Amino acid sequence: MLTKIETPDSLTQSAVSDYDSARRKADRQKVWAKVEDWRQNGRVKSVPVDIPTLGISHVSRPDLLARRDIPVTPATSARVERILASAPVTEMAAQ
């Protein structure tokens, strides 16, 4: 955890940034609830990754392209499967 030092003119303190909006307050409460849970249990619940624009434009070593075991949303999982299924299978030339 990091200690954040704020000054009266910092973005999070400025009225211009709308830092005290209801949404920001709710977000901060979620974060502090997770911090408290971590302090009590020493663990943080994983959050599934959702990357709606996930894509790959070039794969130089398709033999190294592999899926990792991380929590993802069903939509992102489907995108990863499509990417892996369409990745070119090439043999490496002897170097």
Protein backbone atom coordinates (compact mmCIF):
# COMPACT_ATOMS: atom_id res chain seq x y z
CA MET A 1 0.00 0.00 0.00
CA LEU A 2 1.15 3.49 -0.73
CA THR A 3 0.67 6.60 1.36
CA LYS A 4 -0.85 9.38 -0.70
CA ILE A 5 -0.17 12.93 0.35
CA GLU A 6 -2.66 15.49 -0.92
CA THR A 7 -2.46 19.24 -0.96
CA PRO A 8 -5.41 21.66 -1.12
CA ASP A 9 -4.82 22.25 -4.86
CA SER A 10 -4.37 18.60 -5.83
CA LEU A 11 -6.81 17.08 -8.32
CA THR A 12 -8.52 14.96 -5.68
CA GLN A 13 -9.13 17.95 -3.44
CA SER A 14 -10.13 20.47 -6.09
CA ALA A 15 -13.84 21.25 -6.46
CA VAL A 16 -13.28 21.50 -10.22
CA SER A 17 -12.49 17.76 -10.45
CA ASP A 18 -15.88 16.78 -8.94
CA TYR A 19 -13.97 14.44 -6.62
CA ASP A 20 -16.82 14.45 -4.12
CA SER A 21 -19.37 13.16 -6.60
CA ALA A 22 -21.59 10.27 -5.49
CA ARG A 23 -19.89 7.93 -7.97
CA ARG A 24 -16.41 8.75 -6.70
CA LYS A 25 -17.52 8.33 -3.10
CA ALA A 26 -18.98 4.92 -3.96
CA ASP A 27 -15.76 3.94 -5.75
CA ARG A 28 -13.67 4.97 -2.74
CA GLN A 29 -15.93 3.00 -0.40
CA LYS A 30 -15.43 -0.10 -2.57
CA VAL A 31 -11.66 0.36 -2.52
CA TRP A 32 -11.54 0.84 1.25
CA ALA A 33 -13.80 -2.18 1.79
CA LYS A 34 -11.32 -4.25 -0.24
CA VAL A 35 -8.43 -2.82 1.77
CA GLU A 36 -10.18 -3.73 5.01
CA ASP A 37 -10.88 -7.24 3.73
CA TRP A 38 -7.21 -7.57 2.77
CA ARG A 39 -6.11 -6.37 6.20
CA GLN A 40 -8.32 -8.95 7.93
CA ASN A 41 -7.78 -11.91 5.60
CA GLY A 42 -4.52 -11.19 3.78
CA ARG A 43 -6.24 -11.84 0.46
CA VAL A 44 -7.88 -9.80 -2.25
CA LYS A 45 -10.70 -11.26 -4.35
CA SER A 46 -9.86 -11.47 -8.03
CA VAL A 47 -11.79 -9.37 -10.52
CA PRO A 48 -12.45 -10.80 -13.98
CA VAL A 49 -10.72 -8.93 -16.79
CA ASP A 50 -12.94 -7.61 -19.57
CA ILE A 51 -11.20 -6.35 -22.71
CA PRO A 52 -13.85 -5.67 -25.36
CA THR A 53 -11.30 -4.45 -27.93
CA LEU A 54 -8.80 -7.30 -27.46
CA GLY A 55 -6.97 -8.20 -30.63
CA ILE A 56 -3.57 -9.10 -32.00
CA SER A 57 -2.17 -7.57 -35.17
CA HIS A 58 1.01 -9.64 -35.45
CA VAL A 59 2.46 -12.73 -33.81
CA SER A 60 6.17 -13.23 -34.40
CA ARG A 61 6.38 -16.44 -32.36
CA PRO A 62 3.03 -18.24 -32.58
CA ASP A 63 4.62 -21.23 -30.84
CA LEU A 64 4.82 -19.10 -27.69
CA LEU A 65 1.25 -17.79 -27.91
CA ALA A 66 -0.69 -19.44 -25.10
CA ARG A 67 -3.64 -18.75 -22.87
CA ARG A 68 -2.91 -17.87 -19.24
CA ASP A 69 -5.05 -18.88 -16.30
CA ILE A 70 -6.48 -15.54 -15.23
CA PRO A 71 -10.09 -14.63 -14.44
CA VAL A 72 -11.81 -13.16 -17.50
CA THR A 73 -15.39 -12.42 -18.48
CA PRO A 74 -17.12 -14.91 -20.79
CA ALA A 75 -16.90 -12.40 -23.67
CA THR A 76 -13.15 -11.91 -23.23
CA SER A 77 -12.68 -15.67 -22.93
CA ALA A 78 -14.46 -16.13 -26.27
CA ARG A 79 -12.26 -13.44 -27.89
CA VAL A 80 -9.11 -15.16 -26.59
CA GLU A 81 -10.31 -18.51 -27.99
CA ARG A 82 -10.97 -16.93 -31.41
CA ILE A 83 -7.55 -15.26 -31.40
CA LEU A 84 -5.77 -18.49 -30.50
CA ALA A 85 -7.74 -20.46 -33.08
CA SER A 86 -6.86 -17.99 -35.84
CA ALA A 87 -3.19 -17.51 -34.93
CA PRO A 88 -0.91 -18.62 -37.74
CA VAL A 89 0.91 -21.88 -37.20
CA THR A 90 4.36 -21.53 -38.65
CA GLU A 91 7.56 -23.42 -38.20
CA MET A 92 10.60 -21.51 -37.11
CA ALA A 93 13.43 -21.53 -39.59
CA ALA A 94 16.76 -22.81 -38.33
CA GLN A 95 18.94 -19.95 -37.27
